[in-house]
Amino acid sequence: MAAHVDRDRPVQVSVARAPSRRRREIIQGIGEAQQPLRAMRTKARDGDGFIKALRDAHRWLDELLFDPAQTIEPLAIREGKSERSIRMTLSLAFISPVLAEAAMEGRYVLRLS
């Protein structure tokens, strides 16, 4: 049974606020070159980046499912990305279609509680 989705209403997701003393670190894999850390670019936060990542995630998942011999390592080399980046992007292939559509349309609202 399909749920009714009101496309004119924003989708709101409540998230519990993390403790203010939470320490954040960037974890680099073994053997990865130490690179200077920099803040995320504003361009990387736009909706077009999300759409491209969602498209890549579905394409890569299809490749991995279609060819059992295919693994993340050659996929990462071909795409010029780290294996971690490929794995993180692949997780987008499992996002709810309702949430993905809301995010693409700018109706997704993250509300911290």
N, C-alpha and C. Protein backbone atom coordinates (compact mmCIF):
# COMPACT_ATOMS: atom_id res chain seq x y z
N MET A 1 0.84 -1.17 0.00
CA MET A 1 0.00 0.00 0.00
C MET A 1 0.89 1.24 0.00
N ALA A 2 0.71 2.12 -0.96
CA ALA A 2 1.54 3.32 -1.08
C ALA A 2 1.04 4.41 -0.15
N ALA A 3 1.98 5.11 0.46
CA ALA A 3 1.64 6.21 1.36
C ALA A 3 1.41 7.47 0.52
N HIS A 4 0.48 8.31 0.97
CA HIS A 4 0.20 9.57 0.29
C HIS A 4 1.32 10.56 0.60
N VAL A 5 1.86 11.20 -0.43
CA VAL A 5 2.93 12.17 -0.26
C VAL A 5 2.44 13.52 -0.76
N ASP A 6 2.44 14.51 0.13
CA ASP A 6 2.05 15.87 -0.25
C ASP A 6 3.30 16.57 -0.77
N ARG A 7 3.39 16.78 -2.07
CA ARG A 7 4.59 17.33 -2.69
C ARG A 7 4.77 18.82 -2.45
N ASP A 8 3.77 19.48 -1.89
CA ASP A 8 3.87 20.90 -1.61
C ASP A 8 4.35 21.19 -0.19
N ARG A 9 4.39 20.15 0.64
CA ARG A 9 4.78 20.32 2.02
C ARG A 9 6.22 19.86 2.24
N PRO A 10 7.03 20.63 2.96
CA PRO A 10 8.40 20.20 3.23
C PRO A 10 8.42 18.91 4.05
N VAL A 11 9.44 18.12 3.82
CA VAL A 11 9.65 16.92 4.61
C VAL A 11 10.53 17.32 5.78
N GLN A 12 10.08 17.08 7.00
CA GLN A 12 10.85 17.46 8.18
C GLN A 12 11.35 16.21 8.88
N VAL A 13 12.62 16.25 9.24
CA VAL A 13 13.24 15.14 9.95
C VAL A 13 13.83 15.71 11.23
N SER A 14 13.42 15.18 12.37
CA SER A 14 13.96 15.64 13.65
C SER A 14 15.20 14.83 14.00
N VAL A 15 16.21 15.53 14.43
CA VAL A 15 17.47 14.89 14.80
C VAL A 15 17.87 15.43 16.16
N ALA A 16 18.28 14.54 17.05
CA ALA A 16 18.74 14.98 18.36
C ALA A 16 20.09 15.68 18.20
N ARG A 17 20.24 16.80 18.85
CA ARG A 17 21.48 17.56 18.77
C ARG A 17 22.61 16.80 19.46
N ALA A 18 23.76 16.76 18.79
CA ALA A 18 24.94 16.09 19.36
C ALA A 18 25.49 16.93 20.51
N PRO A 19 26.16 16.29 21.46
CA PRO A 19 26.76 17.05 22.56
C PRO A 19 27.71 18.12 22.02
N SER A 20 27.74 19.27 22.68
CA SER A 20 28.56 20.39 22.19
C SER A 20 30.06 20.11 22.30
N ARG A 21 30.46 19.17 23.12
CA ARG A 21 31.88 18.87 23.29
C ARG A 21 32.36 17.72 22.41
N ARG A 22 31.57 17.34 21.45
CA ARG A 22 31.93 16.23 20.57
C ARG A 22 33.15 16.61 19.75
N ARG A 23 34.12 15.72 19.71
CA ARG A 23 35.35 15.97 18.98
C ARG A 23 35.25 15.35 17.59
N ARG A 24 35.62 16.10 16.59
CA ARG A 24 35.54 15.61 15.22
C ARG A 24 36.96 15.49 14.64
N GLU A 25 37.17 14.40 13.93
CA GLU A 25 38.46 14.17 13.31
C GLU A 25 38.24 13.61 11.91
N ILE A 26 39.22 13.80 11.07
CA ILE A 26 39.20 13.19 9.76
C ILE A 26 40.10 11.96 9.84
N ILE A 27 39.55 10.83 9.48
CA ILE A 27 40.29 9.58 9.56
C ILE A 27 40.81 9.24 8.17
N GLN A 28 42.12 9.06 8.07
CA GLN A 28 42.70 8.70 6.78
C GLN A 28 43.08 7.22 6.82
N GLY A 29 42.92 6.57 5.69
CA GLY A 29 43.24 5.16 5.59
C GLY A 29 44.73 4.91 5.64
N ILE A 30 45.09 3.67 5.87
CA ILE A 30 46.50 3.28 5.91
C ILE A 30 47.09 3.45 4.52
N GLY A 31 48.22 4.11 4.44
CA GLY A 31 48.90 4.29 3.16
C GLY A 31 48.42 5.51 2.37
N GLU A 32 47.38 6.19 2.83
CA GLU A 32 46.94 7.39 2.11
C GLU A 32 47.87 8.55 2.45
N ALA A 33 48.20 9.33 1.45
CA ALA A 33 49.08 10.47 1.64
C ALA A 33 48.43 11.48 2.58
N GLN A 34 49.23 12.07 3.46
CA GLN A 34 48.73 13.11 4.34
C GLN A 34 48.53 14.38 3.53
N GLN A 35 47.32 14.87 3.46
CA GLN A 35 47.02 16.07 2.70
C GLN A 35 46.51 17.14 3.66
N PRO A 36 46.76 18.41 3.33
CA PRO A 36 46.25 19.47 4.20
C PRO A 36 44.72 19.43 4.24
N LEU A 37 44.16 19.71 5.40
CA LEU A 37 42.71 19.69 5.58
C LEU A 37 42.15 21.06 5.22
N ARG A 38 40.98 21.06 4.59
CA ARG A 38 40.35 22.33 4.25
C ARG A 38 38.84 22.19 4.41
N ALA A 39 38.19 23.31 4.57
CA ALA A 39 36.74 23.33 4.76
C ALA A 39 36.04 22.92 3.48
N MET A 40 34.81 22.42 3.63
CA MET A 40 34.00 22.02 2.49
C MET A 40 33.61 23.25 1.67
N ARG A 41 33.74 23.16 0.37
CA ARG A 41 33.39 24.28 -0.50
C ARG A 41 31.87 24.44 -0.56
N THR A 42 31.42 25.66 -0.70
CA THR A 42 29.99 25.94 -0.80
C THR A 42 29.39 25.22 -2.00
N LYS A 43 30.12 25.17 -3.09
CA LYS A 43 29.65 24.50 -4.31
C LYS A 43 29.33 23.02 -4.03
N ALA A 44 30.07 22.40 -3.13
CA ALA A 44 29.86 20.98 -2.82
C ALA A 44 28.56 20.75 -2.07
N ARG A 45 27.98 21.79 -1.52
CA ARG A 45 26.74 21.66 -0.74
C ARG A 45 25.48 21.85 -1.57
N ASP A 46 25.60 22.17 -2.83
CA ASP A 46 24.41 22.47 -3.63
C ASP A 46 23.66 21.20 -4.04
N GLY A 47 22.45 21.39 -4.55
CA GLY A 47 21.60 20.27 -4.93
C GLY A 47 22.12 19.48 -6.12
N ASP A 48 22.84 20.14 -7.03
CA ASP A 48 23.37 19.44 -8.19
C ASP A 48 24.37 18.37 -7.77
N GLY A 49 25.15 18.65 -6.76
CA GLY A 49 26.10 17.66 -6.25
C GLY A 49 25.40 16.44 -5.69
N PHE A 50 24.29 16.66 -5.02
CA PHE A 50 23.50 15.56 -4.46
C PHE A 50 22.93 14.70 -5.59
N ILE A 51 22.40 15.35 -6.61
CA ILE A 51 21.81 14.61 -7.72
C ILE A 51 22.87 13.78 -8.43
N LYS A 52 24.06 14.36 -8.66
CA LYS A 52 25.14 13.61 -9.30
C LYS A 52 25.57 12.43 -8.43
N ALA A 53 25.70 12.65 -7.13
CA ALA A 53 26.10 11.57 -6.23
C ALA A 53 25.06 10.46 -6.20
N LEU A 54 23.79 10.83 -6.20
CA LEU A 54 22.71 9.84 -6.22
C LEU A 54 22.74 9.03 -7.51
N ARG A 55 22.95 9.72 -8.63
CA ARG A 55 23.04 9.04 -9.92
C ARG A 55 24.24 8.08 -9.95
N ASP A 56 25.41 8.56 -9.47
CA ASP A 56 26.60 7.70 -9.41
C ASP A 56 26.36 6.48 -8.53
N ALA A 57 25.72 6.69 -7.38
CA ALA A 57 25.47 5.59 -6.44
C ALA A 57 24.64 4.49 -7.10
N HIS A 58 23.60 4.87 -7.80
CA HIS A 58 22.75 3.87 -8.47
C HIS A 58 23.50 3.18 -9.62
N ARG A 59 24.30 3.94 -10.35
CA ARG A 59 25.06 3.36 -11.45
C ARG A 59 26.09 2.35 -10.92
N TRP A 60 26.82 2.73 -9.85
CA TRP A 60 27.83 1.84 -9.29
C TRP A 60 27.19 0.60 -8.67
N LEU A 61 26.07 0.77 -8.00
CA LEU A 61 25.39 -0.38 -7.41
C LEU A 61 24.95 -1.34 -8.51
N ASP A 62 24.42 -0.82 -9.59
CA ASP A 62 24.03 -1.68 -10.72
C ASP A 62 25.24 -2.45 -11.26
N GLU A 63 26.38 -1.77 -11.39
CA GLU A 63 27.60 -2.44 -11.88
C GLU A 63 28.02 -3.55 -10.93
N LEU A 64 28.01 -3.27 -9.63
CA LEU A 64 28.43 -4.27 -8.65
C LEU A 64 27.48 -5.47 -8.61
N LEU A 65 26.19 -5.22 -8.78
CA LEU A 65 25.21 -6.31 -8.76
C LEU A 65 25.23 -7.12 -10.06
N PHE A 66 25.47 -6.46 -11.18
CA PHE A 66 25.44 -7.11 -12.48
C PHE A 66 26.66 -8.02 -12.66
N ASP A 67 27.83 -7.56 -12.22
CA ASP A 67 29.08 -8.31 -12.41
C ASP A 67 29.62 -8.73 -11.05
N PRO A 68 29.42 -9.99 -10.65
CA PRO A 68 29.89 -10.46 -9.34
C PRO A 68 31.41 -10.34 -9.17
N ALA A 69 32.16 -10.28 -10.27
CA ALA A 69 33.62 -10.15 -10.18
C ALA A 69 34.05 -8.70 -9.92
N GLN A 70 33.14 -7.75 -10.14
CA GLN A 70 33.45 -6.34 -9.93
C GLN A 70 33.57 -6.06 -8.43
N THR A 71 34.57 -5.29 -8.05
CA THR A 71 34.75 -4.90 -6.65
C THR A 71 34.92 -3.39 -6.56
N ILE A 72 34.96 -2.90 -5.34
CA ILE A 72 35.07 -1.45 -5.11
C ILE A 72 36.44 -0.91 -5.56
N GLU A 73 37.48 -1.70 -5.36
CA GLU A 73 38.84 -1.21 -5.66
C GLU A 73 39.01 -0.77 -7.13
N PRO A 74 38.72 -1.62 -8.13
CA PRO A 74 38.87 -1.14 -9.51
C PRO A 74 37.87 -0.03 -9.87
N LEU A 75 36.72 -0.05 -9.24
CA LEU A 75 35.73 1.00 -9.46
C LEU A 75 36.30 2.34 -8.99
N ALA A 76 36.93 2.34 -7.82
CA ALA A 76 37.53 3.57 -7.27
C ALA A 76 38.66 4.06 -8.16
N ILE A 77 39.49 3.15 -8.64
CA ILE A 77 40.59 3.54 -9.52
C ILE A 77 40.05 4.16 -10.80
N ARG A 78 39.05 3.52 -11.39
CA ARG A 78 38.46 4.03 -12.63
C ARG A 78 37.85 5.41 -12.45
N GLU A 79 37.16 5.62 -11.31
CA GLU A 79 36.49 6.90 -11.05
C GLU A 79 37.43 7.97 -10.49
N GLY A 80 38.65 7.57 -10.12
CA GLY A 80 39.60 8.53 -9.55
C GLY A 80 39.20 8.96 -8.15
N LYS A 81 38.63 8.03 -7.39
CA LYS A 81 38.17 8.32 -6.03
C LYS A 81 38.74 7.28 -5.08
N SER A 82 38.66 7.55 -3.79
CA SER A 82 39.10 6.57 -2.81
C SER A 82 38.01 5.51 -2.63
N GLU A 83 38.40 4.35 -2.14
CA GLU A 83 37.42 3.30 -1.88
C GLU A 83 36.40 3.78 -0.85
N ARG A 84 36.87 4.53 0.14
CA ARG A 84 35.96 5.06 1.17
C ARG A 84 34.91 5.97 0.54
N SER A 85 35.34 6.81 -0.39
CA SER A 85 34.40 7.72 -1.06
C SER A 85 33.35 6.94 -1.84
N ILE A 86 33.77 5.89 -2.52
CA ILE A 86 32.83 5.05 -3.27
C ILE A 86 31.83 4.41 -2.32
N ARG A 87 32.32 3.86 -1.21
CA ARG A 87 31.42 3.21 -0.24
C ARG A 87 30.41 4.19 0.35
N MET A 88 30.88 5.38 0.68
CA MET A 88 29.98 6.38 1.27
C MET A 88 28.93 6.83 0.26
N THR A 89 29.33 7.00 -0.99
CA THR A 89 28.38 7.41 -2.02
C THR A 89 27.39 6.29 -2.31
N LEU A 90 27.86 5.04 -2.30
CA LEU A 90 26.97 3.90 -2.54
C LEU A 90 25.81 3.86 -1.55
N SER A 91 26.03 4.34 -0.34
CA SER A 91 24.96 4.31 0.67
C SER A 91 23.77 5.15 0.23
N LEU A 92 23.99 6.14 -0.66
CA LEU A 92 22.89 6.96 -1.16
C LEU A 92 21.91 6.16 -2.02
N ALA A 93 22.35 5.05 -2.56
CA ALA A 93 21.47 4.22 -3.40
C ALA A 93 20.33 3.63 -2.58
N PHE A 94 20.47 3.65 -1.25
CA PHE A 94 19.46 3.04 -0.39
C PHE A 94 18.59 4.06 0.34
N ILE A 95 18.75 5.34 -0.02
CA ILE A 95 17.94 6.38 0.62
C ILE A 95 16.50 6.27 0.12
N SER A 96 15.58 6.60 0.98
CA SER A 96 14.16 6.56 0.62
C SER A 96 13.90 7.46 -0.59
N PRO A 97 13.17 6.97 -1.59
CA PRO A 97 12.86 7.82 -2.75
C PRO A 97 12.12 9.10 -2.37
N VAL A 98 11.30 9.03 -1.34
CA VAL A 98 10.56 10.23 -0.89
C VAL A 98 11.54 11.27 -0.35
N LEU A 99 12.52 10.85 0.45
CA LEU A 99 13.50 11.79 0.98
C LEU A 99 14.41 12.32 -0.12
N ALA A 100 14.81 11.44 -1.05
CA ALA A 100 15.66 11.88 -2.15
C ALA A 100 14.95 12.94 -3.00
N GLU A 101 13.69 12.70 -3.30
CA GLU A 101 12.92 13.65 -4.11
C GLU A 101 12.76 14.98 -3.37
N ALA A 102 12.48 14.91 -2.07
CA ALA A 102 12.34 16.13 -1.27
C ALA A 102 13.64 16.92 -1.26
N ALA A 103 14.77 16.23 -1.14
CA ALA A 103 16.06 16.92 -1.13
C ALA A 103 16.34 17.57 -2.48
N MET A 104 16.02 16.88 -3.57
CA MET A 104 16.26 17.43 -4.90
C MET A 104 15.39 18.65 -5.18
N GLU A 105 14.18 18.65 -4.61
CA GLU A 105 13.25 19.77 -4.82
C GLU A 105 13.44 20.88 -3.80
N GLY A 106 14.36 20.70 -2.87
CA GLY A 106 14.61 21.72 -1.85
C GLY A 106 13.56 21.74 -0.75
N ARG A 107 12.81 20.64 -0.59
CA ARG A 107 11.77 20.57 0.44
C ARG A 107 12.24 19.84 1.69
N TYR A 108 13.48 19.35 1.70
CA TYR A 108 13.98 18.59 2.82
C TYR A 108 14.47 19.56 3.90
N VAL A 109 13.90 19.44 5.08
CA VAL A 109 14.26 20.34 6.19
C VAL A 109 14.81 19.49 7.33
N LEU A 110 16.03 19.78 7.71
CA LEU A 110 16.65 19.07 8.84
C LEU A 110 16.46 19.95 10.08
N ARG A 111 15.68 19.47 11.01
CA ARG A 111 15.38 20.25 12.21
C ARG A 111 16.11 19.62 13.40
N LEU A 112 16.99 20.37 14.02
CA LEU A 112 17.69 19.88 15.19
C LEU A 112 16.86 20.11 16.42
N SER A 113 16.76 19.07 17.25
CA SER A 113 15.96 19.23 18.47
C SER A 113 16.82 19.22 19.69
